[in-house]
Amino acid sequence: MRIMVIGATGTIGRAVVAAAEKQHEIVPVSHTQGKERVDLADVASIRALFRRVGRVDAVMSVAGRAAFAPLEKLSDEDFDLSLRNKLMGQINLVRYGVGNINDRGVFTLTSGILAKYPMVGSAAVSLVNAGLEGFVRAAALELPRNIRINIVSPGWVAETLQAMGRDPSAGTPAGIVAEAYMMSVEGQQTGMVIEATGGK
């Protein structure tokens, strides 16, 4: 399969690329690095990416920014960033990428554990993650040509916790999280929220 990985240079993205490139052709995409770049908050950037890359069998999005702060401190700009980048950015990958996906191809998006288990400071993030999961369930009913769509919901990632100076044992290694993305790409399911928490 020819797979486009959005967010290929991030912590999870690198693990996804490492897992996928064993058997598939990878088109890595980043925001600021590498040959192929995209700004998820910019529709023109997304459309230009698909024009350059052409036909693919799968699109995996392991990217998107959302603001994390106490509700009373979240500004209009914080919500705008969250909605335009992680929410609509990933939705627009589907809307503008469906014409580039081959028959029986698959989109895999990313939400996160805060959709299901919110915490103080996660109002914008939880909103975005839950919205993405709802979109995927609905879009699965309408995508043409047997195209599938799923979403992976990672928990805390061990490498991210370690980089934050926290106990990495409370998280799931990125390599295990990557397995959930491969399950979406190589399986047959559609409209699924695949939790990638490693049992934690």
N, C-alpha and C. Protein backbone atom coordinates (compact mmCIF):
# COMPACT_ATOMS: atom_id res chain seq x y z
N MET A 1 0.84 -1.20 0.00
CA MET A 1 0.00 0.00 0.00
C MET A 1 0.87 1.24 0.00
N ARG A 2 0.36 2.27 -0.63
CA ARG A 2 1.02 3.59 -0.58
C ARG A 2 0.30 4.42 0.48
N ILE A 3 1.00 4.74 1.56
CA ILE A 3 0.38 5.36 2.72
C ILE A 3 0.99 6.72 2.99
N MET A 4 0.13 7.74 3.06
CA MET A 4 0.55 9.08 3.46
C MET A 4 0.41 9.20 4.97
N VAL A 5 1.49 9.56 5.66
CA VAL A 5 1.46 9.73 7.11
C VAL A 5 1.65 11.20 7.44
N ILE A 6 0.58 11.82 7.93
CA ILE A 6 0.63 13.23 8.33
C ILE A 6 1.10 13.28 9.78
N GLY A 7 2.14 14.07 10.03
CA GLY A 7 2.71 14.11 11.38
C GLY A 7 3.78 13.07 11.55
N ALA A 8 4.49 12.77 10.46
CA ALA A 8 5.45 11.66 10.43
C ALA A 8 6.66 11.88 11.31
N THR A 9 6.93 13.12 11.73
CA THR A 9 8.13 13.37 12.52
C THR A 9 7.83 13.52 14.01
N GLY A 10 6.57 13.38 14.41
CA GLY A 10 6.22 13.45 15.82
C GLY A 10 6.53 12.15 16.54
N THR A 11 6.29 12.13 17.84
CA THR A 11 6.62 10.94 18.64
C THR A 11 5.86 9.71 18.14
N ILE A 12 4.53 9.83 18.02
CA ILE A 12 3.74 8.70 17.52
C ILE A 12 3.98 8.52 16.03
N GLY A 13 4.09 9.61 15.31
CA GLY A 13 4.29 9.54 13.86
C GLY A 13 5.53 8.75 13.48
N ARG A 14 6.62 8.96 14.18
CA ARG A 14 7.85 8.20 13.88
C ARG A 14 7.64 6.71 14.12
N ALA A 15 6.90 6.38 15.18
CA ALA A 15 6.64 4.96 15.47
C ALA A 15 5.72 4.36 14.41
N VAL A 16 4.75 5.14 13.94
CA VAL A 16 3.85 4.66 12.89
C VAL A 16 4.62 4.41 11.60
N VAL A 17 5.49 5.33 11.23
CA VAL A 17 6.30 5.16 10.03
C VAL A 17 7.17 3.91 10.15
N ALA A 18 7.79 3.73 11.30
CA ALA A 18 8.66 2.57 11.51
C ALA A 18 7.88 1.27 11.37
N ALA A 19 6.65 1.26 11.87
CA ALA A 19 5.83 0.05 11.78
C ALA A 19 5.33 -0.19 10.36
N ALA A 20 4.95 0.89 9.67
CA ALA A 20 4.33 0.75 8.35
C ALA A 20 5.33 0.51 7.24
N GLU A 21 6.51 1.08 7.35
CA GLU A 21 7.45 1.00 6.23
C GLU A 21 8.03 -0.39 6.03
N LYS A 22 7.77 -1.30 6.96
CA LYS A 22 8.24 -2.68 6.80
C LYS A 22 7.57 -3.36 5.62
N GLN A 23 6.31 -2.99 5.35
CA GLN A 23 5.56 -3.66 4.29
C GLN A 23 4.91 -2.70 3.30
N HIS A 24 5.00 -1.40 3.54
CA HIS A 24 4.27 -0.46 2.71
C HIS A 24 5.18 0.69 2.24
N GLU A 25 4.76 1.36 1.18
CA GLU A 25 5.44 2.57 0.71
C GLU A 25 4.90 3.75 1.50
N ILE A 26 5.77 4.52 2.12
CA ILE A 26 5.35 5.62 2.98
C ILE A 26 5.64 6.96 2.32
N VAL A 27 4.66 7.85 2.38
CA VAL A 27 4.85 9.25 1.99
C VAL A 27 4.78 10.05 3.28
N PRO A 28 5.93 10.40 3.86
CA PRO A 28 5.91 11.13 5.13
C PRO A 28 5.61 12.61 4.92
N VAL A 29 4.76 13.15 5.78
CA VAL A 29 4.37 14.56 5.69
C VAL A 29 4.52 15.18 7.08
N SER A 30 5.08 16.38 7.11
CA SER A 30 5.28 17.08 8.37
C SER A 30 4.82 18.53 8.22
N HIS A 31 4.77 19.22 9.33
CA HIS A 31 4.40 20.64 9.28
C HIS A 31 5.59 21.50 8.85
N THR A 32 6.79 21.17 9.34
CA THR A 32 7.94 22.04 9.10
C THR A 32 9.17 21.32 8.56
N GLN A 33 9.13 20.00 8.44
CA GLN A 33 10.32 19.25 8.04
C GLN A 33 10.03 18.37 6.82
N GLY A 34 11.10 18.03 6.10
CA GLY A 34 10.99 17.06 5.02
C GLY A 34 10.48 17.63 3.71
N LYS A 35 10.37 16.75 2.73
CA LYS A 35 9.97 17.16 1.38
C LYS A 35 8.52 17.59 1.33
N GLU A 36 7.64 16.79 1.93
CA GLU A 36 6.21 17.11 1.89
C GLU A 36 5.77 17.73 3.21
N ARG A 37 5.18 18.92 3.12
CA ARG A 37 4.74 19.64 4.31
C ARG A 37 3.29 20.09 4.15
N VAL A 38 2.62 20.24 5.28
CA VAL A 38 1.23 20.69 5.24
C VAL A 38 0.91 21.47 6.50
N ASP A 39 0.05 22.45 6.37
CA ASP A 39 -0.50 23.19 7.49
C ASP A 39 -1.96 22.78 7.62
N LEU A 40 -2.29 22.00 8.65
CA LEU A 40 -3.65 21.47 8.78
C LEU A 40 -4.69 22.57 8.93
N ALA A 41 -4.29 23.73 9.40
CA ALA A 41 -5.23 24.82 9.59
C ALA A 41 -5.52 25.58 8.29
N ASP A 42 -4.86 25.20 7.21
CA ASP A 42 -4.96 25.92 5.94
C ASP A 42 -5.49 24.97 4.86
N VAL A 43 -6.73 25.19 4.44
CA VAL A 43 -7.35 24.33 3.43
C VAL A 43 -6.54 24.32 2.13
N ALA A 44 -6.01 25.47 1.75
CA ALA A 44 -5.23 25.54 0.52
C ALA A 44 -3.99 24.66 0.61
N SER A 45 -3.37 24.61 1.79
CA SER A 45 -2.19 23.77 2.00
C SER A 45 -2.55 22.29 1.88
N ILE A 46 -3.70 21.91 2.43
CA ILE A 46 -4.15 20.52 2.34
C ILE A 46 -4.43 20.13 0.89
N ARG A 47 -5.12 20.99 0.18
CA ARG A 47 -5.45 20.68 -1.21
C ARG A 47 -4.20 20.58 -2.08
N ALA A 48 -3.24 21.48 -1.80
CA ALA A 48 -1.99 21.45 -2.56
C ALA A 48 -1.21 20.18 -2.28
N LEU A 49 -1.24 19.70 -1.03
CA LEU A 49 -0.56 18.46 -0.68
C LEU A 49 -1.10 17.30 -1.51
N PHE A 50 -2.41 17.17 -1.59
CA PHE A 50 -2.99 16.06 -2.34
C PHE A 50 -2.69 16.19 -3.83
N ARG A 51 -2.63 17.40 -4.35
CA ARG A 51 -2.28 17.57 -5.76
C ARG A 51 -0.85 17.08 -6.01
N ARG A 52 0.05 17.37 -5.08
CA ARG A 52 1.45 16.97 -5.26
C ARG A 52 1.63 15.46 -5.11
N VAL A 53 0.99 14.88 -4.12
CA VAL A 53 1.23 13.48 -3.78
C VAL A 53 0.50 12.52 -4.72
N GLY A 54 -0.69 12.90 -5.15
CA GLY A 54 -1.45 12.05 -6.06
C GLY A 54 -2.15 10.90 -5.34
N ARG A 55 -2.31 9.78 -6.03
CA ARG A 55 -3.10 8.68 -5.51
C ARG A 55 -2.40 7.95 -4.37
N VAL A 56 -3.17 7.58 -3.36
CA VAL A 56 -2.67 6.80 -2.23
C VAL A 56 -3.71 5.75 -1.86
N ASP A 57 -3.28 4.76 -1.10
CA ASP A 57 -4.19 3.74 -0.60
C ASP A 57 -4.68 4.05 0.81
N ALA A 58 -3.94 4.89 1.51
CA ALA A 58 -4.31 5.21 2.89
C ALA A 58 -3.75 6.57 3.28
N VAL A 59 -4.48 7.25 4.15
CA VAL A 59 -4.01 8.47 4.79
C VAL A 59 -4.10 8.27 6.29
N MET A 60 -2.97 8.41 6.97
CA MET A 60 -2.94 8.33 8.42
C MET A 60 -2.57 9.70 8.96
N SER A 61 -3.44 10.26 9.79
CA SER A 61 -3.17 11.55 10.41
C SER A 61 -2.81 11.35 11.87
N VAL A 62 -1.58 11.68 12.20
CA VAL A 62 -1.09 11.59 13.57
C VAL A 62 -0.65 13.00 13.96
N ALA A 63 -1.54 13.95 13.72
CA ALA A 63 -1.17 15.36 13.87
C ALA A 63 -2.37 16.17 14.33
N GLY A 64 -2.10 17.41 14.71
CA GLY A 64 -3.16 18.33 15.09
C GLY A 64 -2.88 18.98 16.44
N ARG A 65 -3.09 20.28 16.48
CA ARG A 65 -2.86 21.05 17.71
C ARG A 65 -4.18 21.46 18.34
N ALA A 66 -4.19 21.43 19.68
CA ALA A 66 -5.36 21.91 20.43
C ALA A 66 -4.85 22.50 21.75
N ALA A 67 -5.55 23.51 22.23
CA ALA A 67 -5.11 24.24 23.42
C ALA A 67 -5.53 23.52 24.70
N PHE A 68 -4.62 23.51 25.66
CA PHE A 68 -4.88 22.90 26.97
C PHE A 68 -4.70 23.97 28.04
N ALA A 69 -5.77 24.31 28.72
CA ALA A 69 -5.72 25.35 29.76
C ALA A 69 -7.03 25.31 30.53
N PRO A 70 -7.04 25.83 31.77
CA PRO A 70 -8.31 25.92 32.50
C PRO A 70 -9.36 26.66 31.69
N LEU A 71 -10.61 26.25 31.83
CA LEU A 71 -11.70 26.80 31.04
C LEU A 71 -11.74 28.32 31.10
N GLU A 72 -11.59 28.88 32.29
CA GLU A 72 -11.69 30.34 32.43
C GLU A 72 -10.55 31.07 31.75
N LYS A 73 -9.48 30.36 31.41
CA LYS A 73 -8.34 31.00 30.74
C LYS A 73 -8.29 30.71 29.24
N LEU A 74 -9.16 29.83 28.75
CA LEU A 74 -9.19 29.55 27.31
C LEU A 74 -9.79 30.73 26.58
N SER A 75 -9.03 31.28 25.66
CA SER A 75 -9.46 32.46 24.90
C SER A 75 -10.18 32.05 23.62
N ASP A 76 -10.78 33.04 22.96
CA ASP A 76 -11.37 32.78 21.65
C ASP A 76 -10.32 32.21 20.70
N GLU A 77 -9.11 32.74 20.79
CA GLU A 77 -8.03 32.28 19.92
C GLU A 77 -7.66 30.82 20.21
N ASP A 78 -7.72 30.43 21.49
CA ASP A 78 -7.42 29.05 21.85
C ASP A 78 -8.43 28.08 21.23
N PHE A 79 -9.71 28.44 21.32
CA PHE A 79 -10.74 27.58 20.72
C PHE A 79 -10.62 27.58 19.20
N ASP A 80 -10.33 28.75 18.64
CA ASP A 80 -10.18 28.84 17.18
C ASP A 80 -9.04 27.96 16.70
N LEU A 81 -7.90 28.00 17.40
CA LEU A 81 -6.77 27.15 17.05
C LEU A 81 -7.17 25.68 17.09
N SER A 82 -7.82 25.28 18.18
CA SER A 82 -8.18 23.89 18.37
C SER A 82 -9.14 23.40 17.29
N LEU A 83 -10.14 24.23 16.97
CA LEU A 83 -11.14 23.84 15.98
C LEU A 83 -10.57 23.85 14.56
N ARG A 84 -9.77 24.85 14.24
CA ARG A 84 -9.24 24.96 12.88
C ARG A 84 -8.13 23.94 12.62
N ASN A 85 -7.34 23.64 13.64
CA ASN A 85 -6.18 22.78 13.41
C ASN A 85 -6.52 21.30 13.60
N LYS A 86 -6.68 20.85 14.83
CA LYS A 86 -6.86 19.40 15.03
C LYS A 86 -8.22 18.90 14.55
N LEU A 87 -9.28 19.67 14.76
CA LEU A 87 -10.61 19.20 14.35
C LEU A 87 -10.81 19.33 12.85
N MET A 88 -10.93 20.56 12.35
CA MET A 88 -11.21 20.74 10.93
C MET A 88 -10.03 20.35 10.05
N GLY A 89 -8.82 20.45 10.57
CA GLY A 89 -7.66 20.02 9.78
C GLY A 89 -7.77 18.56 9.39
N GLN A 90 -8.12 17.71 10.37
CA GLN A 90 -8.24 16.28 10.06
C GLN A 90 -9.50 15.98 9.24
N ILE A 91 -10.58 16.67 9.56
CA ILE A 91 -11.79 16.50 8.76
C ILE A 91 -11.53 16.89 7.31
N ASN A 92 -10.78 17.96 7.10
CA ASN A 92 -10.49 18.41 5.74
C ASN A 92 -9.55 17.46 5.00
N LEU A 93 -8.74 16.71 5.73
CA LEU A 93 -7.94 15.67 5.07
C LEU A 93 -8.85 14.66 4.40
N VAL A 94 -9.97 14.37 5.06
CA VAL A 94 -10.94 13.44 4.47
C VAL A 94 -11.72 14.10 3.34
N ARG A 95 -12.24 15.29 3.61
CA ARG A 95 -13.08 15.98 2.61
C ARG A 95 -12.33 16.21 1.31
N TYR A 96 -11.09 16.66 1.41
CA TYR A 96 -10.34 16.99 0.19
C TYR A 96 -9.45 15.85 -0.28
N GLY A 97 -9.33 14.79 0.54
CA GLY A 97 -8.49 13.67 0.15
C GLY A 97 -9.23 12.49 -0.42
N VAL A 98 -10.56 12.49 -0.29
CA VAL A 98 -11.31 11.31 -0.72
C VAL A 98 -11.13 11.04 -2.22
N GLY A 99 -10.92 12.07 -3.00
CA GLY A 99 -10.70 11.87 -4.42
C GLY A 99 -9.34 11.29 -4.75
N ASN A 100 -8.41 11.34 -3.80
CA ASN A 100 -7.06 10.81 -4.01
C ASN A 100 -6.88 9.40 -3.46
N ILE A 101 -7.87 8.93 -2.70
CA ILE A 101 -7.78 7.60 -2.10
C ILE A 101 -8.31 6.56 -3.09
N ASN A 102 -7.56 5.50 -3.26
CA ASN A 102 -8.00 4.43 -4.16
C ASN A 102 -9.19 3.68 -3.58
N ASP A 103 -9.90 2.95 -4.42
CA ASP A 103 -11.02 2.12 -3.97
C ASP A 103 -10.56 1.22 -2.82
N ARG A 104 -11.41 1.08 -1.81
CA ARG A 104 -11.13 0.25 -0.63
C ARG A 104 -9.96 0.78 0.19
N GLY A 105 -9.67 2.07 0.01
CA GLY A 105 -8.63 2.71 0.82
C GLY A 105 -9.14 3.03 2.22
N VAL A 106 -8.30 3.69 3.01
CA VAL A 106 -8.69 3.95 4.40
C VAL A 106 -8.06 5.24 4.93
N PHE A 107 -8.88 5.99 5.63
CA PHE A 107 -8.41 7.13 6.41
C PHE A 107 -8.30 6.69 7.87
N THR A 108 -7.24 7.13 8.54
CA THR A 108 -7.11 6.90 9.98
C THR A 108 -6.76 8.23 10.63
N LEU A 109 -7.65 8.73 11.48
CA LEU A 109 -7.45 10.00 12.17
C LEU A 109 -7.03 9.75 13.61
N THR A 110 -6.78 10.85 14.35
CA THR A 110 -6.34 10.74 15.73
C THR A 110 -7.19 11.61 16.64
N SER A 111 -7.73 11.02 17.70
CA SER A 111 -8.42 11.80 18.74
C SER A 111 -7.57 11.74 20.00
N GLY A 112 -8.05 11.12 21.06
CA GLY A 112 -7.27 11.02 22.29
C GLY A 112 -8.15 10.68 23.47
N ILE A 113 -7.53 10.22 24.52
CA ILE A 113 -8.24 9.72 25.69
C ILE A 113 -9.10 10.77 26.38
N LEU A 114 -8.77 12.06 26.15
CA LEU A 114 -9.52 13.13 26.82
C LEU A 114 -10.93 13.30 26.26
N ALA A 115 -11.23 12.62 25.15
CA ALA A 115 -12.62 12.61 24.67
C ALA A 115 -13.50 11.84 25.63
N LYS A 116 -12.97 10.78 26.17
CA LYS A 116 -13.72 9.88 27.04
C LYS A 116 -13.50 10.17 28.51
N TYR A 117 -12.28 10.59 28.83
CA TYR A 117 -11.92 10.85 30.23
C TYR A 117 -11.34 12.26 30.35
N PRO A 118 -12.19 13.29 30.37
CA PRO A 118 -11.70 14.66 30.46
C PRO A 118 -11.04 14.93 31.81
N MET A 119 -10.25 15.99 31.84
CA MET A 119 -9.61 16.41 33.07
C MET A 119 -9.60 17.93 33.11
N VAL A 120 -9.28 18.48 34.24
CA VAL A 120 -9.20 19.94 34.36
C VAL A 120 -8.22 20.46 33.31
N GLY A 121 -8.65 21.42 32.54
CA GLY A 121 -7.81 22.01 31.50
C GLY A 121 -8.05 21.45 30.12
N SER A 122 -8.90 20.42 30.02
CA SER A 122 -9.03 19.74 28.71
C SER A 122 -10.28 20.14 27.93
N ALA A 123 -10.96 21.20 28.32
CA ALA A 123 -12.23 21.53 27.67
C ALA A 123 -12.11 21.61 26.15
N ALA A 124 -11.11 22.33 25.63
CA ALA A 124 -10.95 22.47 24.18
C ALA A 124 -10.51 21.16 23.55
N VAL A 125 -9.57 20.48 24.20
CA VAL A 125 -9.06 19.22 23.66
C VAL A 125 -10.16 18.16 23.65
N SER A 126 -10.91 18.06 24.75
CA SER A 126 -11.99 17.07 24.83
C SER A 126 -13.06 17.34 23.78
N LEU A 127 -13.37 18.61 23.58
CA LEU A 127 -14.33 19.00 22.55
C LEU A 127 -13.88 18.51 21.18
N VAL A 128 -12.64 18.79 20.84
CA VAL A 128 -12.11 18.42 19.53
C VAL A 128 -12.06 16.90 19.36
N ASN A 129 -11.54 16.21 20.37
CA ASN A 129 -11.42 14.76 20.26
C ASN A 129 -12.78 14.08 20.11
N ALA A 130 -13.74 14.51 20.92
CA ALA A 130 -15.08 13.92 20.83
C ALA A 130 -15.74 14.24 19.50
N GLY A 131 -15.53 15.46 19.00
CA GLY A 131 -16.07 15.85 17.70
C GLY A 131 -15.51 14.99 16.58
N LEU A 132 -14.21 14.71 16.63
CA LEU A 132 -13.58 13.88 15.61
C LEU A 132 -14.15 12.46 15.63
N GLU A 133 -14.36 11.94 16.82
CA GLU A 133 -14.90 10.58 16.91
C GLU A 133 -16.33 10.52 16.35
N GLY A 134 -17.11 11.54 16.62
CA GLY A 134 -18.46 11.59 16.04
C GLY A 134 -18.42 11.70 14.53
N PHE A 135 -17.50 12.51 14.02
CA PHE A 135 -17.36 12.66 12.57
C PHE A 135 -17.02 11.33 11.92
N VAL A 136 -16.08 10.60 12.50
CA VAL A 136 -15.64 9.34 11.90
C VAL A 136 -16.79 8.33 11.85
N ARG A 137 -17.56 8.25 12.93
CA ARG A 137 -18.68 7.31 12.94
C ARG A 137 -19.69 7.64 11.84
N ALA A 138 -19.94 8.93 11.65
CA ALA A 138 -20.91 9.34 10.64
C ALA A 138 -20.34 9.22 9.23
N ALA A 139 -19.10 9.65 9.03
CA ALA A 139 -18.49 9.62 7.69
C ALA A 139 -18.38 8.20 7.17
N ALA A 140 -18.20 7.24 8.08
CA ALA A 140 -18.09 5.84 7.65
C ALA A 140 -19.34 5.36 6.93
N LEU A 141 -20.47 6.00 7.19
CA LEU A 141 -21.73 5.61 6.56
C LEU A 141 -21.86 6.16 5.14
N GLU A 142 -21.00 7.12 4.79
CA GLU A 142 -21.20 7.85 3.53
C GLU A 142 -20.04 7.79 2.55
N LEU A 143 -18.87 7.36 2.99
CA LEU A 143 -17.73 7.39 2.08
C LEU A 143 -17.96 6.43 0.90
N PRO A 144 -17.58 6.85 -0.30
CA PRO A 144 -17.85 6.03 -1.49
C PRO A 144 -16.78 4.96 -1.71
N ARG A 145 -17.03 4.09 -2.67
CA ARG A 145 -16.05 3.15 -3.21
C ARG A 145 -15.44 2.24 -2.15
N ASN A 146 -16.23 1.90 -1.13
CA ASN A 146 -15.75 1.02 -0.06
C ASN A 146 -14.54 1.58 0.68
N ILE A 147 -14.44 2.90 0.69
CA ILE A 147 -13.38 3.54 1.47
C ILE A 147 -13.76 3.47 2.95
N ARG A 148 -12.80 3.10 3.77
CA ARG A 148 -13.03 2.98 5.21
C ARG A 148 -12.46 4.20 5.95
N ILE A 149 -12.93 4.40 7.17
CA ILE A 149 -12.38 5.45 8.03
C ILE A 149 -12.48 5.01 9.48
N ASN A 150 -11.39 5.19 10.22
CA ASN A 150 -11.33 4.89 11.64
C ASN A 150 -10.58 6.00 12.35
N ILE A 151 -10.61 5.95 13.67
CA ILE A 151 -9.87 6.93 14.46
C ILE A 151 -9.20 6.23 15.62
N VAL A 152 -7.96 6.59 15.87
CA VAL A 152 -7.20 6.02 16.99
C VAL A 152 -7.24 7.01 18.15
N SER A 153 -7.50 6.49 19.34
CA SER A 153 -7.55 7.31 20.55
C SER A 153 -6.41 6.91 21.48
N PRO A 154 -5.27 7.59 21.36
CA PRO A 154 -4.15 7.25 22.24
C PRO A 154 -4.38 7.78 23.66
N GLY A 155 -3.80 7.08 24.61
CA GLY A 155 -3.71 7.61 25.97
C GLY A 155 -2.42 8.40 26.10
N TRP A 156 -1.92 8.52 27.31
CA TRP A 156 -0.62 9.17 27.49
C TRP A 156 0.46 8.27 26.90
N VAL A 157 1.38 8.88 26.17
CA VAL A 157 2.46 8.14 25.52
C VAL A 157 3.71 8.19 26.42
N ALA A 158 4.32 7.04 26.63
CA ALA A 158 5.44 6.94 27.56
C ALA A 158 6.56 7.92 27.22
N GLU A 159 6.90 8.01 25.93
CA GLU A 159 7.99 8.90 25.53
C GLU A 159 7.65 10.37 25.78
N THR A 160 6.38 10.72 25.62
CA THR A 160 5.96 12.10 25.89
C THR A 160 6.05 12.39 27.38
N LEU A 161 5.60 11.46 28.20
CA LEU A 161 5.70 11.65 29.65
C LEU A 161 7.15 11.80 30.08
N GLN A 162 8.02 10.99 29.51
CA GLN A 162 9.44 11.08 29.86
C GLN A 162 10.01 12.44 29.48
N ALA A 163 9.62 12.95 28.30
CA ALA A 163 10.10 14.26 27.86
C ALA A 163 9.59 15.38 28.76
N MET A 164 8.45 15.14 29.42
CA MET A 164 7.88 16.12 30.35
C MET A 164 8.44 15.97 31.76
N GLY A 165 9.35 15.00 31.94
CA GLY A 165 9.93 14.77 33.25
C GLY A 165 9.02 13.98 34.18
N ARG A 166 8.04 13.27 33.61
CA ARG A 166 7.12 12.47 34.40
C ARG A 166 7.42 10.98 34.25
N ASP A 167 6.78 10.17 35.06
CA ASP A 167 7.03 8.73 35.07
C ASP A 167 6.51 8.10 33.78
N PRO A 168 7.39 7.58 32.92
CA PRO A 168 6.92 7.01 31.65
C PRO A 168 6.14 5.72 31.82
N SER A 169 6.27 5.07 32.97
CA SER A 169 5.55 3.81 33.16
C SER A 169 4.05 4.02 33.22
N ALA A 170 3.61 5.27 33.40
CA ALA A 170 2.18 5.56 33.41
C ALA A 170 1.60 5.68 32.00
N GLY A 171 2.47 5.62 31.00
CA GLY A 171 2.02 5.76 29.62
C GLY A 171 2.22 4.50 28.80
N THR A 172 1.82 4.57 27.55
CA THR A 172 1.96 3.45 26.60
C THR A 172 3.09 3.79 25.63
N PRO A 173 4.05 2.89 25.42
CA PRO A 173 5.11 3.16 24.45
C PRO A 173 4.55 3.46 23.06
N ALA A 174 5.21 4.38 22.37
CA ALA A 174 4.73 4.80 21.05
C ALA A 174 4.64 3.62 20.08
N GLY A 175 5.54 2.65 20.22
CA GLY A 175 5.50 1.49 19.33
C GLY A 175 4.22 0.69 19.48
N ILE A 176 3.70 0.62 20.70
CA ILE A 176 2.44 -0.09 20.93
C ILE A 176 1.27 0.73 20.39
N VAL A 177 1.33 2.05 20.57
CA VAL A 177 0.29 2.93 20.03
C VAL A 177 0.25 2.78 18.51
N ALA A 178 1.41 2.66 17.89
CA ALA A 178 1.47 2.54 16.42
C ALA A 178 0.73 1.31 15.93
N GLU A 179 0.67 0.27 16.74
CA GLU A 179 -0.04 -0.94 16.34
C GLU A 179 -1.52 -0.68 16.08
N ALA A 180 -2.09 0.28 16.81
CA ALA A 180 -3.51 0.60 16.61
C ALA A 180 -3.73 1.22 15.23
N TYR A 181 -2.78 2.04 14.79
CA TYR A 181 -2.88 2.64 13.45
C TYR A 181 -2.75 1.57 12.38
N MET A 182 -1.87 0.60 12.60
CA MET A 182 -1.72 -0.47 11.63
C MET A 182 -2.96 -1.36 11.60
N MET A 183 -3.61 -1.53 12.74
CA MET A 183 -4.86 -2.29 12.79
C MET A 183 -5.91 -1.65 11.91
N SER A 184 -5.98 -0.31 11.95
CA SER A 184 -6.94 0.41 11.12
C SER A 184 -6.63 0.22 9.64
N VAL A 185 -5.36 0.36 9.28
CA VAL A 185 -4.96 0.30 7.87
C VAL A 185 -5.09 -1.11 7.31
N GLU A 186 -4.67 -2.10 8.06
CA GLU A 186 -4.60 -3.45 7.53
C GLU A 186 -5.83 -4.30 7.85
N GLY A 187 -6.74 -3.79 8.67
CA GLY A 187 -7.94 -4.53 9.01
C GLY A 187 -9.08 -4.27 8.03
N GLN A 188 -10.28 -4.59 8.47
CA GLN A 188 -11.46 -4.42 7.62
C GLN A 188 -12.51 -3.51 8.26
N GLN A 189 -12.27 -3.06 9.49
CA GLN A 189 -13.28 -2.30 10.20
C GLN A 189 -13.40 -0.87 9.67
N THR A 190 -14.55 -0.28 9.92
CA THR A 190 -14.76 1.12 9.57
C THR A 190 -15.68 1.76 10.59
N GLY A 191 -15.50 3.07 10.78
CA GLY A 191 -16.31 3.79 11.75
C GLY A 191 -15.95 3.47 13.19
N MET A 192 -14.75 2.95 13.42
CA MET A 192 -14.34 2.49 14.74
C MET A 192 -13.46 3.49 15.45
N VAL A 193 -13.65 3.59 16.77
CA VAL A 193 -12.71 4.30 17.63
C VAL A 193 -11.81 3.22 18.25
N ILE A 194 -10.54 3.25 17.87
CA ILE A 194 -9.60 2.23 18.33
C ILE A 194 -8.78 2.82 19.46
N GLU A 195 -8.99 2.32 20.66
CA GLU A 195 -8.27 2.84 21.82
C GLU A 195 -6.87 2.24 21.86
N ALA A 196 -5.88 3.10 22.03
CA ALA A 196 -4.48 2.68 22.02
C ALA A 196 -3.86 3.06 23.36
N THR A 197 -4.32 2.38 24.40
CA THR A 197 -3.85 2.71 25.75
C THR A 197 -3.04 1.60 26.38
N GLY A 198 -2.82 0.52 25.65
CA GLY A 198 -1.99 -0.55 26.16
C GLY A 198 -2.49 -1.15 27.45
N GLY A 199 -3.81 -1.05 27.65
CA GLY A 199 -4.40 -1.63 28.85
C GLY A 199 -4.28 -0.76 30.07
N LYS A 200 -3.72 0.45 29.94
CA LYS A 200 -3.56 1.36 31.07
C LYS A 200 -4.78 2.23 31.22
